[in-house]
């Protein structure tokens, strides 16, 4: 505090200083109660839970899509392998003739 602030506070009525302190304490108490409102924390918890479920559903959906793509790729690989084996047998038969 500066000297000017101290001199200014000394000239204020003591009752006013007490009222200011009471108002500051009351404001801090009210702010604390509003800040720790249970309804707000319940809503936050519900939002967080919904986000988790949404993320979980999204992950499962992407997993299903990836498994489907892998399955179709495996089928395509099997088709290509079978085709190559058939072509190899045909080439062997032509070579023998």
Protein backbone atom coordinates (compact mmCIF):
# COMPACT_ATOMS: atom_id res chain seq x y z
CA UNK A 1 0.00 0.00 0.00
CA UNK A 2 1.16 3.47 -0.72
CA UNK A 3 1.16 6.30 1.80
CA UNK A 4 -1.71 7.99 -0.06
CA UNK A 5 -3.86 4.84 0.20
CA UNK A 6 -3.17 4.54 3.92
CA UNK A 7 -4.06 8.19 4.50
CA UNK A 8 -7.24 7.80 2.46
CA UNK A 9 -8.30 4.70 4.46
CA UNK A 10 -7.58 6.54 7.72
CA UNK A 11 -10.03 9.26 6.72
CA UNK A 12 -12.88 6.79 5.99
CA UNK A 13 -15.43 6.19 8.69
CA UNK A 14 -14.76 2.88 10.56
CA UNK A 15 -18.37 1.82 10.01
CA UNK A 16 -17.90 2.11 6.25
CA UNK A 17 -14.77 -0.05 6.41
CA UNK A 18 -16.66 -2.70 8.39
CA UNK A 19 -19.54 -2.64 5.89
CA UNK A 20 -17.09 -2.98 2.98
CA UNK A 21 -15.44 -5.99 4.64
CA UNK A 22 -18.83 -7.59 5.34
CA UNK A 23 -19.84 -7.03 1.70
CA UNK A 24 -16.57 -8.59 0.48
CA UNK A 25 -17.02 -11.63 2.71
CA UNK A 26 -20.67 -12.03 1.69
CA UNK A 27 -19.74 -11.72 -1.99
CA UNK A 28 -17.03 -14.35 -1.63
CA UNK A 29 -19.49 -16.71 0.11
CA UNK A 30 -22.16 -16.25 -2.54
CA UNK A 31 -19.59 -16.70 -5.30
CA UNK A 32 -18.39 -19.93 -3.70
CA UNK A 33 -21.94 -21.28 -3.45
CA UNK A 34 -22.74 -20.39 -7.05
CA UNK A 35 -19.44 -21.80 -8.26
CA UNK A 36 -20.01 -25.15 -6.57
CA UNK A 37 -23.61 -25.51 -7.67
CA UNK A 38 -24.44 -29.24 -7.66
CA UNK A 39 -26.87 -28.90 -10.56
CA UNK A 40 -24.07 -27.50 -12.70
CA UNK A 41 -21.72 -30.35 -11.82
CA UNK A 42 -24.49 -32.88 -12.54
CA UNK A 43 -25.02 -31.37 -15.97
CA UNK A 44 -21.27 -31.40 -16.60
CA UNK A 45 -21.14 -35.06 -15.58
CA UNK A 46 -24.01 -35.92 -17.92
CA UNK A 47 -22.33 -34.09 -20.78
CA UNK A 48 -19.05 -35.89 -20.14
CA UNK A 49 -20.88 -39.24 -20.03
CA UNK A 50 -22.67 -38.49 -23.30
CA UNK A 51 -19.37 -37.54 -24.92
CA UNK A 52 -17.81 -40.82 -23.77
CA UNK A 53 -20.72 -42.81 -25.17
CA UNK A 54 -20.57 -40.90 -28.44
CA UNK A 55 -16.85 -41.47 -28.80
CA UNK A 56 -17.31 -45.14 -27.90
CA UNK A 57 -20.03 -45.55 -30.53
CA UNK A 58 -17.88 -43.79 -33.10
CA UNK A 59 -14.93 -46.06 -32.36
CA UNK A 60 -17.12 -49.15 -32.66
CA UNK A 61 -18.57 -47.91 -35.96
CA UNK A 62 -15.09 -47.28 -37.41
CA UNK A 63 -14.00 -50.72 -36.18
CA UNK A 64 -16.93 -52.40 -37.95
CA UNK A 65 -16.17 -50.49 -41.15
CA UNK A 66 -12.48 -51.44 -40.97
CA UNK A 67 -13.31 -55.10 -40.33
CA UNK A 68 -15.69 -55.08 -43.30
CA UNK A 69 -12.99 -53.55 -45.50
CA UNK A 70 -10.45 -56.13 -44.30
CA UNK A 71 -12.94 -58.92 -44.95
CA UNK A 72 -13.59 -57.76 -48.51
CA UNK A 73 -9.83 -57.33 -49.08
CA UNK A 74 -9.24 -60.90 -47.87
CA UNK A 75 -11.94 -62.17 -50.26
CA UNK A 76 -10.36 -60.24 -53.12
CA UNK A 77 -6.91 -61.62 -52.24
CA UNK A 78 -8.31 -65.18 -52.23
CA UNK A 79 -9.97 -64.58 -55.62
CA UNK A 80 -6.70 -63.26 -57.07
CA UNK A 81 -4.76 -66.22 -55.63
CA UNK A 82 -7.26 -68.72 -57.06
CA UNK A 83 -7.13 -67.00 -60.43
CA UNK A 84 -3.32 -67.07 -60.40
CA UNK A 85 -3.28 -70.77 -59.50
CA UNK A 86 -5.72 -71.51 -62.34
CA UNK A 87 -3.58 -69.52 -64.78
CA UNK A 88 -0.47 -71.38 -63.58
CA UNK A 89 -2.17 -74.74 -64.14
CA UNK A 90 -3.31 -73.61 -67.60
CA UNK A 91 0.26 -72.53 -68.44
CA UNK A 92 1.59 -75.93 -67.26
CA UNK A 93 -0.95 -77.74 -69.42
CA UNK A 94 0.01 -75.62 -72.45
CA UNK A 95 3.69 -76.29 -71.82
CA UNK A 96 3.06 -80.05 -71.73
CA UNK A 97 1.11 -80.00 -75.01
